Amino acid sequence: MPSADPTPPPRPDGTRPPPAAPEAGARPETPAAPRPAGSAAEVFAAFLRLGLTSFGGPVAHLGYFREALVRRRGWVDEAAYAELVALCQFLPGPASSQVGLALGMLRAGLPGALAAWAAFTLPSALALAAFAAGVGALDAAGAGWLAGVKAAAVAVVAQAALGMGRTLAPDRARQALAAAAAALALLAPGVAGQLGAIAVGALAGLAAGRGWAAPPAEPEAGALPAPLSRAAGAACLVLAALLLALLPLAAGLGPLAAHADAFYRAGALVFGGGHVVLPLLEAETVGRGWLDAETFVAGYGAAQAVPGPLFAFAAFLGQASGGAGAAAVSLVAIFLPGAVLAIGVLPFWAGLRARPGARAALAGVNAAVVGLLLAALYDPVFARGAAEPAGFVIALAAWLALGPWRISPPLVVLGAAGLGQAAGWAGLLG
């Protein structure tokens, strides 16, 4: 039996090398993949509570995750959580949902990732799909309460554009880039305009160089464990790219395939998540004639009244345009690229985040995203929700409630619906 004595044998000259570090031994110093420390059922229960109570949008979701899963449950430490947030903000897709999925994976492997996504997403998705079915059954396109919901959406998107502009376009150069992106999206409507604006933003960031490259997130690289090998991560990245390339070829096979293509592309090409997906979804649904702009804006307003991720809006759009099957396909398709990318990039994140060029390009993309949101604020949100005087007044009231008065978004949406119904009864709506 080998000796347990860690003292190394003498060299030929009679001297002894220094003793090996205590960590050296049969087990590697840093495991390649941490073992899951919990169960999928535990992850599902924790995220179901968050999915039923997490109002306030992506930034608020990240705060809820930190309090519930980092501080109270200790699933990861603060350093790992900071790295995880930095990674998901770097990728296209819904950042808060990607953080939740990755937390579930670090806790309980791939089953934990699926459990985290399902529990956090399904409550809002089911509610929005039911709302879409109700709107269709009631033929409520001209109802006063629906006009109020659409007006509330104007205030929500305006608040989002203002807040993101302060953070992502803090100087004159990036403000000009945001304005150019808005102009391009408005003058070249559709997916081509959206992608062109993102490409212009990335090129502008590369041209600006280090001036736009934010310093890498603290703490230093290495705090976030990688649950997969680099080979498995590379396979996930290849899968994400293949789906983006092949789904358009399959879109002609039927309505469900067309929904999978449209919503996967929207999820794969949007940076910033949340409200930023609005113009891409509008181009993929209203632009194709799957539903009218009034229904789109009404659903977006209703999405402000439910907890969980805003990407669950896809369930409303799928239900309104193709029924329950399309709702399910649309919901999975819009989240799939962000999930696969987050899982695939984890093994490579430490090296990627240290590159100034990558951070500068992302800064340009983020400024362009502000412009896309401004374009969406004009059309379809303002054009459909506040073009007439009563709608504008309701939108202004919702703006005050969300901003200076800091009232919860669900209460603002419900209040706007009440004001809209009152305006309808008073004959103030066209």
Protein backbone atom coordinates (compact mmCIF):
# COMPACT_ATOMS: atom_id res chain seq x y z
CA MET A 1 0.00 0.00 0.00
CA PRO A 2 1.48 3.40 -0.92
CA SER A 3 2.68 5.55 1.90
CA ALA A 4 0.50 8.46 2.96
CA ASP A 5 3.61 10.53 3.78
CA PRO A 6 3.52 13.62 1.53
CA THR A 7 7.28 14.24 1.96
CA PRO A 8 8.97 13.82 -1.45
CA PRO A 9 11.98 11.46 -1.79
CA PRO A 10 15.53 12.91 -1.78
CA ARG A 11 17.18 14.05 -5.00
CA PRO A 12 20.29 12.21 -6.28
CA ASP A 13 22.49 14.91 -4.70
CA GLY A 14 21.02 14.16 -1.29
CA THR A 15 18.90 17.31 -1.00
CA ARG A 16 15.15 17.23 -0.66
CA PRO A 17 12.70 19.37 -2.66
CA PRO A 18 10.21 21.47 -0.70
CA PRO A 19 7.13 19.62 0.54
CA ALA A 20 4.13 19.54 -1.79
CA ALA A 21 1.27 21.91 -1.01
CA PRO A 22 -1.39 20.32 1.18
CA GLU A 23 -3.95 20.67 -1.62
CA ALA A 24 -1.93 18.55 -4.00
CA GLY A 25 -3.10 14.97 -4.06
CA ALA A 26 -5.34 12.58 -5.84
CA ARG A 27 -8.05 15.21 -6.39
CA PRO A 28 -7.41 18.25 -8.66
CA GLU A 29 -7.14 21.65 -7.04
CA THR A 30 -10.12 23.05 -8.97
CA PRO A 31 -12.77 20.56 -10.12
CA ALA A 32 -13.68 20.86 -13.80
CA ALA A 33 -17.38 20.78 -12.99
CA PRO A 34 -18.96 21.31 -9.57
CA ARG A 35 -21.31 18.61 -8.41
CA PRO A 36 -24.95 19.62 -8.15
CA ALA A 37 -25.75 20.25 -4.51
CA GLY A 38 -29.54 20.07 -4.67
CA SER A 39 -32.48 18.57 -6.53
CA ALA A 40 -34.64 19.71 -9.40
CA ALA A 41 -37.65 19.66 -7.08
CA GLU A 42 -35.91 22.06 -4.70
CA VAL A 43 -35.04 24.37 -7.60
CA PHE A 44 -38.59 24.26 -8.94
CA ALA A 45 -40.09 25.17 -5.57
CA ALA A 46 -37.73 28.11 -5.07
CA PHE A 47 -38.29 29.51 -8.55
CA LEU A 48 -42.05 28.97 -8.50
CA ARG A 49 -42.29 31.37 -5.58
CA LEU A 50 -40.17 33.86 -7.52
CA GLY A 51 -42.25 33.35 -10.66
CA LEU A 52 -45.42 34.23 -8.75
CA THR A 53 -44.05 37.30 -6.96
CA SER A 54 -41.21 38.84 -9.04
CA PHE A 55 -42.70 42.04 -10.39
CA GLY A 56 -40.66 44.98 -11.66
CA GLY A 57 -38.68 43.78 -14.67
CA PRO A 58 -35.21 42.26 -15.22
CA VAL A 59 -33.26 44.47 -12.82
CA ALA A 60 -35.73 43.75 -10.04
CA HIS A 61 -35.57 40.03 -10.85
CA LEU A 62 -31.80 40.03 -10.33
CA GLY A 63 -32.34 41.60 -6.92
CA TYR A 64 -34.93 38.96 -6.00
CA PHE A 65 -32.56 36.17 -7.10
CA ARG A 66 -29.71 37.57 -5.03
CA GLU A 67 -31.83 37.88 -1.90
CA ALA A 68 -33.58 34.50 -2.18
CA LEU A 69 -30.89 32.26 -3.67
CA VAL A 70 -27.55 33.85 -2.79
CA ARG A 71 -28.06 35.53 0.57
CA ARG A 72 -30.74 33.28 2.09
CA ARG A 73 -30.06 29.89 0.51
CA GLY A 74 -26.36 30.24 -0.37
CA TRP A 75 -26.59 28.38 -3.69
CA VAL A 76 -23.59 30.38 -4.94
CA ASP A 77 -21.45 33.04 -3.31
CA GLU A 78 -21.55 36.74 -4.09
CA ALA A 79 -18.49 36.53 -6.33
CA ALA A 80 -19.98 33.80 -8.51
CA TYR A 81 -23.30 35.63 -8.72
CA ALA A 82 -21.60 38.84 -9.86
CA GLU A 83 -19.79 36.92 -12.59
CA LEU A 84 -23.02 35.22 -13.67
CA VAL A 85 -24.86 38.53 -14.00
CA ALA A 86 -21.98 39.98 -16.04
CA LEU A 87 -22.03 36.97 -18.37
CA CYS A 88 -25.77 37.10 -19.03
CA GLN A 89 -25.72 40.84 -19.68
CA PHE A 90 -23.05 40.18 -22.31
CA LEU A 91 -25.20 37.66 -24.23
CA PRO A 92 -28.30 38.12 -26.37
CA GLY A 93 -31.50 36.99 -24.72
CA PRO A 94 -33.40 37.70 -21.49
CA ALA A 95 -30.68 38.37 -18.93
CA SER A 96 -32.69 37.67 -15.78
CA SER A 97 -34.07 34.40 -17.14
CA GLN A 98 -30.57 33.34 -18.21
CA VAL A 99 -29.26 34.07 -14.71
CA GLY A 100 -32.09 32.02 -13.20
CA LEU A 101 -31.51 29.11 -15.56
CA ALA A 102 -27.77 29.12 -14.83
CA LEU A 103 -28.42 29.21 -11.08
CA GLY A 104 -30.68 26.19 -11.45
CA MET A 105 -28.00 24.39 -13.45
CA LEU A 106 -25.27 25.14 -10.92
CA ARG A 107 -27.57 23.84 -8.19
CA ALA A 108 -28.97 20.68 -9.79
CA GLY A 109 -27.49 20.19 -13.25
CA LEU A 110 -29.50 20.27 -16.46
CA PRO A 111 -32.73 19.12 -14.71
CA GLY A 112 -32.29 22.05 -12.34
CA ALA A 113 -31.91 24.45 -15.28
CA LEU A 114 -35.16 23.21 -16.82
CA ALA A 115 -36.94 23.38 -13.47
CA ALA A 116 -35.78 26.96 -12.88
CA TRP A 117 -36.96 28.11 -16.30
CA ALA A 118 -40.34 26.38 -16.09
CA ALA A 119 -41.17 27.55 -12.58
CA PHE A 120 -40.13 31.15 -13.21
CA THR A 121 -41.78 31.45 -16.64
CA LEU A 122 -44.98 29.40 -16.70
CA PRO A 123 -47.10 31.46 -14.25
CA SER A 124 -46.88 34.61 -16.39
CA ALA A 125 -46.98 32.69 -19.68
CA LEU A 126 -50.19 30.87 -18.76
CA ALA A 127 -51.80 34.10 -17.59
CA LEU A 128 -50.90 35.92 -20.81
CA ALA A 129 -52.07 33.05 -23.01
CA ALA A 130 -55.38 33.03 -21.16
CA PHE A 131 -55.67 36.79 -21.64
CA ALA A 132 -55.06 36.38 -25.37
CA ALA A 133 -57.76 33.73 -25.59
CA GLY A 134 -60.15 35.99 -23.67
CA VAL A 135 -59.48 38.99 -25.88
CA GLY A 136 -60.29 36.91 -28.94
CA ALA A 137 -63.41 35.37 -27.42
CA LEU A 138 -64.79 38.73 -26.28
CA ASP A 139 -63.93 40.57 -29.49
CA ALA A 140 -62.75 43.39 -27.23
CA ALA A 141 -60.69 45.43 -29.70
CA GLY A 142 -62.73 48.55 -29.00
CA ALA A 143 -63.29 48.09 -25.26
CA GLY A 144 -62.38 51.05 -23.05
CA TRP A 145 -60.36 48.98 -20.60
CA LEU A 146 -58.24 47.67 -23.46
CA ALA A 147 -57.52 51.22 -24.61
CA GLY A 148 -56.33 51.97 -21.07
CA VAL A 149 -54.01 48.96 -21.08
CA LYS A 150 -52.50 50.13 -24.39
CA ALA A 151 -51.99 53.62 -22.98
CA ALA A 152 -50.21 52.16 -19.95
CA ALA A 153 -47.82 50.40 -22.32
CA VAL A 154 -46.75 53.82 -23.63
CA ALA A 155 -45.64 54.88 -20.14
CA VAL A 156 -43.87 51.59 -19.46
CA VAL A 157 -41.84 51.66 -22.68
CA ALA A 158 -41.03 55.37 -22.23
CA GLN A 159 -39.72 54.69 -18.72
CA ALA A 160 -37.65 51.80 -19.99
CA ALA A 161 -36.17 53.86 -22.84
CA LEU A 162 -35.29 56.72 -20.49
CA GLY A 163 -33.70 54.46 -17.87
CA MET A 164 -31.73 52.44 -20.39
CA GLY A 165 -30.63 55.58 -22.20
CA ARG A 166 -29.06 56.98 -19.05
CA THR A 167 -27.05 53.80 -18.53
CA LEU A 168 -26.28 52.60 -22.05
CA ALA A 169 -25.94 55.93 -23.91
CA PRO A 170 -24.24 58.16 -21.32
CA ASP A 171 -22.29 60.42 -23.72
CA ARG A 172 -22.97 62.41 -26.88
CA ALA A 173 -21.43 59.87 -29.24
CA ARG A 174 -23.59 57.01 -27.98
CA GLN A 175 -26.67 59.24 -27.85
CA ALA A 176 -26.09 60.05 -31.52
CA LEU A 177 -25.68 56.34 -32.23
CA ALA A 178 -28.99 55.63 -30.47
CA ALA A 179 -30.72 58.30 -32.58
CA ALA A 180 -29.23 56.82 -35.76
CA ALA A 181 -30.41 53.34 -34.78
CA ALA A 182 -33.92 54.68 -34.14
CA ALA A 183 -33.96 56.38 -37.54
CA LEU A 184 -32.77 53.23 -39.29
CA ALA A 185 -35.41 51.10 -37.58
CA LEU A 186 -38.20 53.54 -38.46
CA LEU A 187 -37.14 54.17 -42.06
CA ALA A 188 -36.37 50.50 -42.79
CA PRO A 189 -39.12 48.70 -40.84
CA GLY A 190 -38.88 44.99 -40.26
CA VAL A 191 -36.17 42.57 -39.22
CA ALA A 192 -33.62 44.01 -41.69
CA GLY A 193 -33.78 47.41 -40.02
CA GLN A 194 -33.42 45.90 -36.56
CA LEU A 195 -30.41 43.79 -37.51
CA GLY A 196 -28.85 46.69 -39.41
CA ALA A 197 -29.08 48.90 -36.33
CA ILE A 198 -27.44 46.24 -34.15
CA ALA A 199 -24.65 45.73 -36.71
CA VAL A 200 -24.03 49.49 -36.94
CA GLY A 201 -23.83 49.65 -33.16
CA ALA A 202 -21.27 46.84 -32.99
CA LEU A 203 -19.10 48.43 -35.69
CA ALA A 204 -19.29 51.83 -33.98
CA GLY A 205 -18.21 50.26 -30.71
CA LEU A 206 -15.23 48.56 -32.36
CA ALA A 207 -14.26 51.86 -33.98
CA ALA A 208 -14.51 53.69 -30.65
CA GLY A 209 -12.26 51.09 -29.05
CA ARG A 210 -11.14 51.36 -25.47
CA GLY A 211 -13.05 54.57 -24.86
CA TRP A 212 -16.29 52.57 -24.81
CA ALA A 213 -14.90 49.36 -23.32
CA ALA A 214 -16.08 49.18 -19.73
CA PRO A 215 -13.62 47.59 -17.31
CA PRO A 216 -14.21 43.88 -16.78
CA ALA A 217 -16.64 43.00 -14.06
CA GLU A 218 -15.27 42.40 -10.61
CA PRO A 219 -14.30 40.12 -9.01
CA GLU A 220 -11.45 38.66 -11.02
CA ALA A 221 -12.11 35.83 -13.47
CA GLY A 222 -12.38 32.44 -11.87
CA ALA A 223 -15.15 33.12 -9.35
CA LEU A 224 -17.83 31.50 -11.53
CA PRO A 225 -17.58 27.70 -11.84
CA ALA A 226 -18.12 26.10 -15.24
CA PRO A 227 -20.60 23.20 -15.01
CA LEU A 228 -19.64 21.89 -18.47
CA SER A 229 -16.42 21.09 -20.29
CA ARG A 230 -15.28 23.34 -23.12
CA ALA A 231 -16.21 20.62 -25.62
CA ALA A 232 -19.78 20.49 -24.31
CA GLY A 233 -19.94 24.29 -24.29
CA ALA A 234 -18.74 24.43 -27.89
CA ALA A 235 -21.42 21.90 -28.87
CA CYS A 236 -24.10 24.15 -27.34
CA LEU A 237 -22.81 27.15 -29.27
CA VAL A 238 -22.82 25.17 -32.52
CA LEU A 239 -26.38 24.03 -31.81
CA ALA A 240 -27.54 27.62 -31.27
CA ALA A 241 -25.99 28.70 -34.59
CA LEU A 242 -27.39 25.71 -36.48
CA LEU A 243 -30.92 26.38 -35.26
CA LEU A 244 -30.64 30.03 -36.32
CA ALA A 245 -29.54 28.94 -39.79
CA LEU A 246 -31.85 25.95 -40.31
CA LEU A 247 -35.16 27.07 -38.80
CA PRO A 248 -35.83 29.54 -41.65
CA LEU A 249 -35.52 26.63 -44.07
CA ALA A 250 -38.16 24.70 -42.13
CA ALA A 251 -40.52 27.65 -41.68
CA GLY A 252 -42.54 26.68 -44.74
CA LEU A 253 -43.54 23.33 -43.26
CA GLY A 254 -46.49 24.83 -41.41
CA PRO A 255 -47.67 27.45 -38.91
CA LEU A 256 -45.90 25.91 -35.91
CA ALA A 257 -42.59 25.76 -37.79
CA ALA A 258 -43.06 29.38 -38.84
CA HIS A 259 -43.65 30.39 -35.22
CA ALA A 260 -40.56 28.48 -34.10
CA ASP A 261 -38.45 30.30 -36.69
CA ALA A 262 -39.81 33.77 -35.92
CA PHE A 263 -39.58 33.56 -32.14
CA TYR A 264 -36.22 31.78 -32.08
CA ARG A 265 -34.77 34.56 -34.24
CA ALA A 266 -36.25 37.23 -31.97
CA GLY A 267 -34.72 35.58 -28.91
CA ALA A 268 -31.35 35.06 -30.58
CA LEU A 269 -30.84 38.57 -31.95
CA VAL A 270 -31.97 40.85 -29.14
CA PHE A 271 -29.46 42.29 -26.69
CA GLY A 272 -30.62 43.59 -23.35
CA GLY A 273 -33.74 41.45 -23.02
CA GLY A 274 -36.95 42.77 -21.52
CA HIS A 275 -38.51 45.68 -23.39
CA VAL A 276 -35.85 45.58 -26.09
CA VAL A 277 -37.44 42.52 -27.71
CA LEU A 278 -40.56 44.55 -28.51
CA PRO A 279 -39.51 45.84 -31.97
CA LEU A 280 -38.29 42.42 -33.10
CA LEU A 281 -41.50 40.74 -31.99
CA GLU A 282 -43.59 43.42 -33.65
CA ALA A 283 -41.73 42.89 -36.91
CA GLU A 284 -42.11 39.11 -36.72
CA THR A 285 -45.83 39.10 -35.86
CA VAL A 286 -47.61 42.30 -36.91
CA GLY A 287 -45.21 42.68 -39.82
CA ARG A 288 -46.22 39.23 -41.11
CA GLY A 289 -49.91 39.91 -40.65
CA TRP A 290 -50.33 37.28 -37.92
CA LEU A 291 -52.20 39.77 -35.70
CA ASP A 292 -53.03 43.46 -35.73
CA ALA A 293 -51.06 46.19 -34.00
CA GLU A 294 -53.87 46.95 -31.54
CA THR A 295 -53.82 43.39 -30.20
CA PHE A 296 -50.02 43.49 -30.01
CA VAL A 297 -49.96 46.65 -27.90
CA ALA A 298 -52.80 45.41 -25.68
CA GLY A 299 -50.88 42.22 -24.95
CA TYR A 300 -47.73 44.18 -24.20
CA GLY A 301 -49.67 46.29 -21.73
CA ALA A 302 -51.09 43.17 -20.08
CA ALA A 303 -47.56 41.77 -19.79
CA GLN A 304 -46.77 44.60 -17.36
CA ALA A 305 -49.42 43.31 -14.95
CA VAL A 306 -47.92 39.84 -14.43
CA PRO A 307 -44.75 38.77 -12.60
CA GLY A 308 -41.87 36.92 -14.16
CA PRO A 309 -39.98 37.51 -17.42
CA LEU A 310 -41.29 39.86 -20.08
CA PHE A 311 -40.33 37.30 -22.75
CA ALA A 312 -43.42 35.39 -21.61
CA PHE A 313 -45.20 37.90 -23.86
CA ALA A 314 -44.41 35.33 -26.58
CA ALA A 315 -47.14 33.09 -25.14
CA PHE A 316 -49.69 35.87 -25.69
CA LEU A 317 -48.52 36.45 -29.26
CA GLY A 318 -48.53 32.76 -30.08
CA GLN A 319 -52.01 32.25 -28.62
CA ALA A 320 -53.40 35.32 -30.39
CA SER A 321 -51.92 34.34 -33.75
CA GLY A 322 -52.19 30.55 -33.77
CA GLY A 323 -53.81 29.06 -30.69
CA ALA A 324 -52.46 26.99 -27.81
CA GLY A 325 -49.96 25.00 -29.89
CA ALA A 326 -48.43 28.17 -31.31
CA ALA A 327 -48.31 29.66 -27.80
CA ALA A 328 -46.27 26.71 -26.50
CA VAL A 329 -43.92 26.68 -29.51
CA SER A 330 -43.42 30.45 -29.40
CA LEU A 331 -42.67 30.42 -25.68
CA VAL A 332 -40.03 27.69 -25.93
CA ALA A 333 -38.51 29.12 -29.11
CA ILE A 334 -37.94 32.63 -27.76
CA PHE A 335 -36.16 31.37 -24.63
CA LEU A 336 -34.18 28.56 -26.30
CA PRO A 337 -31.32 30.55 -27.88
CA GLY A 338 -30.56 32.51 -24.72
CA ALA A 339 -30.59 29.32 -22.65
CA VAL A 340 -28.29 27.40 -25.00
CA LEU A 341 -25.91 30.35 -25.32
CA ALA A 342 -25.71 30.91 -21.56
CA ILE A 343 -24.90 27.25 -20.96
CA GLY A 344 -22.44 27.11 -23.84
CA VAL A 345 -20.48 30.27 -23.00
CA LEU A 346 -19.95 29.47 -19.32
CA PRO A 347 -16.72 27.48 -19.90
CA PHE A 348 -15.26 30.31 -22.05
CA TRP A 349 -16.45 33.34 -20.10
CA ALA A 350 -13.29 34.12 -18.14
CA GLY A 351 -11.23 34.62 -21.31
CA LEU A 352 -13.91 36.44 -23.28
CA ARG A 353 -14.67 39.08 -20.67
CA ALA A 354 -11.01 40.16 -20.56
CA ARG A 355 -11.01 41.31 -24.23
CA PRO A 356 -11.48 45.10 -24.60
CA GLY A 357 -12.68 44.75 -28.20
CA ALA A 358 -15.57 42.51 -27.20
CA ARG A 359 -16.64 44.92 -24.45
CA ALA A 360 -16.41 47.92 -26.81
CA ALA A 361 -18.57 46.21 -29.46
CA LEU A 362 -21.13 45.33 -26.81
CA ALA A 363 -21.23 48.97 -25.64
CA GLY A 364 -22.08 50.02 -29.19
CA VAL A 365 -24.78 47.36 -29.45
CA ASN A 366 -26.28 48.54 -26.17
CA ALA A 367 -26.51 52.14 -27.43
CA ALA A 368 -28.19 50.91 -30.61
CA VAL A 369 -30.65 48.96 -28.48
CA VAL A 370 -31.76 52.24 -26.87
CA GLY A 371 -32.52 53.53 -30.36
CA LEU A 372 -34.55 50.44 -31.21
CA LEU A 373 -36.60 50.97 -28.08
CA LEU A 374 -37.20 54.62 -29.02
CA ALA A 375 -38.41 53.51 -32.46
CA ALA A 376 -40.79 51.01 -30.85
CA LEU A 377 -42.04 53.73 -28.50
CA TYR A 378 -43.17 55.73 -31.53
CA ASP A 379 -44.56 52.83 -33.58
CA PRO A 380 -46.48 50.78 -32.60
CA VAL A 381 -46.73 51.72 -28.91
CA PHE A 382 -47.53 55.46 -29.03
CA ALA A 383 -49.29 55.32 -32.39
CA ARG A 384 -51.69 52.65 -31.10
CA GLY A 385 -51.95 53.60 -27.44
CA ALA A 386 -51.84 57.40 -27.13
CA ALA A 387 -52.61 58.92 -30.52
CA GLU A 388 -55.95 60.34 -29.39
CA PRO A 389 -56.36 62.82 -26.49
CA ALA A 390 -57.93 60.43 -23.97
CA GLY A 391 -55.23 57.82 -24.55
CA PHE A 392 -52.49 60.42 -24.18
CA VAL A 393 -53.97 61.65 -20.87
CA ILE A 394 -54.09 58.08 -19.52
CA ALA A 395 -50.52 57.48 -20.68
CA LEU A 396 -49.40 60.69 -18.94
CA ALA A 397 -51.10 59.60 -15.72
CA ALA A 398 -49.42 56.19 -15.97
CA TRP A 399 -46.06 57.92 -16.53
CA LEU A 400 -46.47 59.94 -13.34
CA ALA A 401 -47.56 56.86 -11.40
CA LEU A 402 -44.58 54.79 -12.55
CA GLY A 403 -42.00 57.57 -12.23
CA PRO A 404 -42.38 60.21 -9.52
CA TRP A 405 -45.00 58.28 -7.53
CA ARG A 406 -43.24 54.88 -7.88
CA ILE A 407 -46.44 52.84 -7.94
CA SER A 408 -46.12 49.14 -8.77
CA PRO A 409 -46.51 48.42 -12.54
CA PRO A 410 -49.37 45.90 -12.07
CA LEU A 411 -51.37 48.49 -10.12
CA VAL A 412 -50.61 51.12 -12.78
CA VAL A 413 -51.88 48.83 -15.55
CA LEU A 414 -55.05 48.00 -13.63
CA GLY A 415 -55.64 51.69 -12.88
CA ALA A 416 -55.11 52.60 -16.54
CA ALA A 417 -57.60 49.92 -17.57
CA GLY A 418 -60.16 51.48 -15.21
CA LEU A 419 -59.52 54.96 -16.59
CA GLY A 420 -59.86 53.66 -20.11
CA GLN A 421 -63.19 52.02 -19.36
CA ALA A 422 -64.43 55.22 -17.75
CA ALA A 423 -63.31 57.19 -20.82
CA GLY A 424 -65.15 54.74 -23.05
CA TRP A 425 -68.37 55.08 -21.09
CA ALA A 426 -67.99 58.89 -21.27
CA GLY A 427 -67.63 58.73 -25.05
CA LEU A 428 -64.09 60.10 -25.04
CA LEU A 429 -62.60 57.28 -27.10
CA GLY A 430 -62.83 57.13 -30.86
